[in-house]
Amino acid sequence: MIIGIGTDIIEIYRIQSTLEKYGERFKNKMFTQVEIDYCEQYNDKKYPHYAARFAAKEAFSKAIGTGFARGFKFKEVSIQNLKTGEPTVVLDGSLKEQYGENIIKISLSHTDNNAIAYLTMESN
């Protein structure tokens, strides 16, 4: 049974300008080290990957009904890739305790200008 869905679209330039302005401070507040390592491997093409992961965190927050408030912690949601390239959601801390037993599916995409994430959460 589906217990939550969430979607988000973001303009890549917004994430790029924030990363350029606030650098490591923003990066380390919003993203796990696994996400940073993944995005940084793309060098000058890294911004769509950061934007897609940010959109995924927003989509997750919508699926659980909190938005970025009420106990949501950015670094407790990590978007990682399986060996096949499929993105997956890895939870940590209190979010793992609350939602870790659920089946979470995520789809990410981006163009030159926008990144989008769509997420479903089903009871196990």
C-alpha atoms as a PDB file:
ATOM      1  CA  MET A   1       0.000   0.000   0.000  1.00  0.00           C
ATOM      2  CA  ILE A   2       1.341   3.433  -0.937  1.00  0.00           C
ATOM      3  CA  ILE A   3       1.722   5.569   2.159  1.00  0.00           C
ATOM      4  CA  GLY A   4       3.365   8.590   0.566  1.00  0.00           C
ATOM      5  CA  ILE A   5       4.388  10.165  -2.722  1.00  0.00           C
ATOM      6  CA  GLY A   6       6.488  13.205  -3.403  1.00  0.00           C
ATOM      7  CA  THR A   7       7.867  15.059  -6.371  1.00  0.00           C
ATOM      8  CA  ASP A   8      10.050  18.101  -6.813  1.00  0.00           C
ATOM      9  CA  ILE A   9      11.535  20.021  -9.698  1.00  0.00           C
ATOM     10  CA  ILE A  10      14.321  22.542  -9.281  1.00  0.00           C
ATOM     11  CA  GLU A  11      16.235  24.849 -11.567  1.00  0.00           C
ATOM     12  CA  ILE A  12      19.828  23.667 -11.675  1.00  0.00           C
ATOM     13  CA  TYR A  13      21.196  27.219 -11.662  1.00  0.00           C
ATOM     14  CA  ARG A  14      19.720  27.754  -8.168  1.00  0.00           C
ATOM     15  CA  ILE A  15      21.744  24.882  -6.712  1.00  0.00           C
ATOM     16  CA  GLN A  16      24.813  25.879  -8.740  1.00  0.00           C
ATOM     17  CA  SER A  17      24.713  29.496  -7.560  1.00  0.00           C
ATOM     18  CA  THR A  18      24.188  28.416  -3.939  1.00  0.00           C
ATOM     19  CA  LEU A  19      27.105  25.972  -4.138  1.00  0.00           C
ATOM     20  CA  GLU A  20      29.298  28.645  -5.704  1.00  0.00           C
ATOM     21  CA  LYS A  21      28.301  31.216  -3.085  1.00  0.00           C
ATOM     22  CA  TYR A  22      28.406  29.060   0.068  1.00  0.00           C
ATOM     23  CA  GLY A  23      30.717  26.242  -1.049  1.00  0.00           C
ATOM     24  CA  GLU A  24      31.592  23.594   1.490  1.00  0.00           C
ATOM     25  CA  ARG A  25      29.257  25.029   4.127  1.00  0.00           C
ATOM     26  CA  PHE A  26      26.165  24.414   1.991  1.00  0.00           C
ATOM     27  CA  LYS A  27      27.493  21.153   0.583  1.00  0.00           C
ATOM     28  CA  ASN A  28      28.230  19.677   4.000  1.00  0.00           C
ATOM     29  CA  LYS A  29      24.892  20.813   5.435  1.00  0.00           C
ATOM     30  CA  MET A  30      22.747  19.337   2.663  1.00  0.00           C
ATOM     31  CA  PHE A  31      24.581  16.299   1.329  1.00  0.00           C
ATOM     32  CA  THR A  32      26.204  13.161   2.712  1.00  0.00           C
ATOM     33  CA  GLN A  33      29.805  12.380   1.851  1.00  0.00           C
ATOM     34  CA  VAL A  34      28.639   9.595  -0.482  1.00  0.00           C
ATOM     35  CA  GLU A  35      26.492  12.091  -2.396  1.00  0.00           C
ATOM     36  CA  ILE A  36      29.311  14.645  -2.554  1.00  0.00           C
ATOM     37  CA  ASP A  37      31.774  12.042  -3.838  1.00  0.00           C
ATOM     38  CA  TYR A  38      29.281  10.931  -6.489  1.00  0.00           C
ATOM     39  CA  CYS A  39      28.529  14.461  -7.723  1.00  0.00           C
ATOM     40  CA  GLU A  40      32.121  15.684  -7.649  1.00  0.00           C
ATOM     41  CA  GLN A  41      33.262  12.919 -10.013  1.00  0.00           C
ATOM     42  CA  TYR A  42      31.430  14.794 -12.771  1.00  0.00           C
ATOM     43  CA  ASN A  43      33.665  17.890 -12.411  1.00  0.00           C
ATOM     44  CA  ASP A  44      32.093  20.705 -14.464  1.00  0.00           C
ATOM     45  CA  LYS A  45      28.883  18.645 -14.986  1.00  0.00           C
ATOM     46  CA  LYS A  46      28.284  18.108 -11.261  1.00  0.00           C
ATOM     47  CA  TYR A  47      25.501  20.633 -10.729  1.00  0.00           C
ATOM     48  CA  PRO A  48      22.653  18.620 -12.308  1.00  0.00           C
ATOM     49  CA  HIS A  49      23.568  15.728 -10.008  1.00  0.00           C
ATOM     50  CA  TYR A  50      23.535  17.917  -6.904  1.00  0.00           C
ATOM     51  CA  ALA A  51      20.224  19.437  -8.025  1.00  0.00           C
ATOM     52  CA  ALA A  52      18.640  16.002  -8.603  1.00  0.00           C
ATOM     53  CA  ARG A  53      19.702  14.878  -5.123  1.00  0.00           C
ATOM     54  CA  PHE A  54      18.341  18.056  -3.574  1.00  0.00           C
ATOM     55  CA  ALA A  55      15.044  17.506  -5.421  1.00  0.00           C
ATOM     56  CA  ALA A  56      14.995  13.911  -4.129  1.00  0.00           C
ATOM     57  CA  LYS A  57      15.336  15.093  -0.535  1.00  0.00           C
ATOM     58  CA  GLU A  58      12.467  17.526  -1.120  1.00  0.00           C
ATOM     59  CA  ALA A  59      10.372  14.741  -2.685  1.00  0.00           C
ATOM     60  CA  PHE A  60      11.070  12.520   0.335  1.00  0.00           C
ATOM     61  CA  SER A  61      10.070  15.298   2.735  1.00  0.00           C
ATOM     62  CA  LYS A  62       6.794  15.681   0.840  1.00  0.00           C
ATOM     63  CA  ALA A  63       6.160  11.927   0.896  1.00  0.00           C
ATOM     64  CA  ILE A  64       6.471  11.858   4.685  1.00  0.00           C
ATOM     65  CA  GLY A  65       4.347  15.009   4.992  1.00  0.00           C
ATOM     66  CA  THR A  66       6.792  17.213   6.874  1.00  0.00           C
ATOM     67  CA  GLY A  67       8.490  19.296   4.220  1.00  0.00           C
ATOM     68  CA  PHE A  68      11.834  20.560   5.465  1.00  0.00           C
ATOM     69  CA  ALA A  69      10.433  21.019   8.991  1.00  0.00           C
ATOM     70  CA  ARG A  70       9.369  18.887  11.953  1.00  0.00           C
ATOM     71  CA  GLY A  71      12.428  16.703  12.382  1.00  0.00           C
ATOM     72  CA  PHE A  72      13.573  16.487   8.769  1.00  0.00           C
ATOM     73  CA  LYS A  73      17.371  16.281   8.549  1.00  0.00           C
ATOM     74  CA  PHE A  74      18.966  16.560   5.100  1.00  0.00           C
ATOM     75  CA  LYS A  75      21.908  14.322   5.928  1.00  0.00           C
ATOM     76  CA  GLU A  76      19.636  11.529   7.180  1.00  0.00           C
ATOM     77  CA  VAL A  77      18.466  11.063   3.568  1.00  0.00           C
ATOM     78  CA  SER A  78      21.156   9.959   1.137  1.00  0.00           C
ATOM     79  CA  ILE A  79      20.573   9.340  -2.549  1.00  0.00           C
ATOM     80  CA  GLN A  80      22.963   6.651  -3.689  1.00  0.00           C
ATOM     81  CA  ASN A  81      23.284   4.521  -6.789  1.00  0.00           C
ATOM     82  CA  LEU A  82      23.227   0.757  -7.074  1.00  0.00           C
ATOM     83  CA  LYS A  83      25.836  -0.909  -9.309  1.00  0.00           C
ATOM     84  CA  THR A  84      23.216  -0.878 -12.068  1.00  0.00           C
ATOM     85  CA  GLY A  85      23.017   2.920 -11.809  1.00  0.00           C
ATOM     86  CA  GLU A  86      19.535   2.841 -10.267  1.00  0.00           C
ATOM     87  CA  PRO A  87      19.146   5.551  -7.620  1.00  0.00           C
ATOM     88  CA  THR A  88      18.111   4.433  -4.171  1.00  0.00           C
ATOM     89  CA  VAL A  89      17.236   6.171  -0.919  1.00  0.00           C
ATOM     90  CA  VAL A  90      19.362   5.325   2.127  1.00  0.00           C
ATOM     91  CA  LEU A  91      18.024   6.588   5.439  1.00  0.00           C
ATOM     92  CA  ASP A  92      19.922   7.180   8.673  1.00  0.00           C
ATOM     93  CA  GLY A  93      19.166   8.286  12.230  1.00  0.00           C
ATOM     94  CA  SER A  94      15.627   9.167  13.262  1.00  0.00           C
ATOM     95  CA  LEU A  95      14.332   9.055   9.683  1.00  0.00           C
ATOM     96  CA  LYS A  96      15.585   5.477   9.381  1.00  0.00           C
ATOM     97  CA  GLU A  97      13.882   4.603  12.663  1.00  0.00           C
ATOM     98  CA  GLN A  98      10.568   6.035  11.453  1.00  0.00           C
ATOM     99  CA  TYR A  99      10.581   5.119   7.765  1.00  0.00           C
ATOM    100  CA  GLY A 100      13.336   2.536   7.254  1.00  0.00           C
ATOM    101  CA  GLU A 101      10.975  -0.443   7.078  1.00  0.00           C
ATOM    102  CA  ASN A 102       9.125   1.013   4.080  1.00  0.00           C
ATOM    103  CA  ILE A 103       9.829   0.341   0.420  1.00  0.00           C
ATOM    104  CA  ILE A 104      11.050   3.574  -1.152  1.00  0.00           C
ATOM    105  CA  LYS A 105      11.412   4.000  -4.909  1.00  0.00           C
ATOM    106  CA  ILE A 106      12.963   7.086  -6.468  1.00  0.00           C
ATOM    107  CA  SER A 107      13.305   8.308 -10.030  1.00  0.00           C
ATOM    108  CA  LEU A 108      15.634  11.181 -10.961  1.00  0.00           C
ATOM    109  CA  SER A 109      16.050  13.055 -14.210  1.00  0.00           C
ATOM    110  CA  HIS A 110      17.549  16.296 -15.438  1.00  0.00           C
ATOM    111  CA  THR A 111      17.836  18.481 -18.494  1.00  0.00           C
ATOM    112  CA  ASP A 112      20.283  21.316 -19.066  1.00  0.00           C
ATOM    113  CA  ASN A 113      18.095  23.572 -16.902  1.00  0.00           C
ATOM    114  CA  ASN A 114      16.026  21.490 -14.478  1.00  0.00           C
ATOM    115  CA  ALA A 115      16.266  18.453 -12.239  1.00  0.00           C
ATOM    116  CA  ILE A 116      13.292  16.413 -11.057  1.00  0.00           C
ATOM    117  CA  ALA A 117      12.717  13.669  -8.534  1.00  0.00           C
ATOM    118  CA  TYR A 118       9.675  11.465  -8.035  1.00  0.00           C
ATOM    119  CA  LEU A 119       9.374   9.225  -4.979  1.00  0.00           C
ATOM    120  CA  THR A 120       6.924   6.622  -3.732  1.00  0.00           C
ATOM    121  CA  MET A 121       6.864   5.047  -0.295  1.00  0.00           C
ATOM    122  CA  GLU A 122       5.018   1.800   0.335  1.00  0.00           C
ATOM    123  CA  SER A 123       4.429  -0.118   3.529  1.00  0.00           C
ATOM    124  CA  ASN A 124       6.493  -3.292   3.699  1.00  0.00           C
END
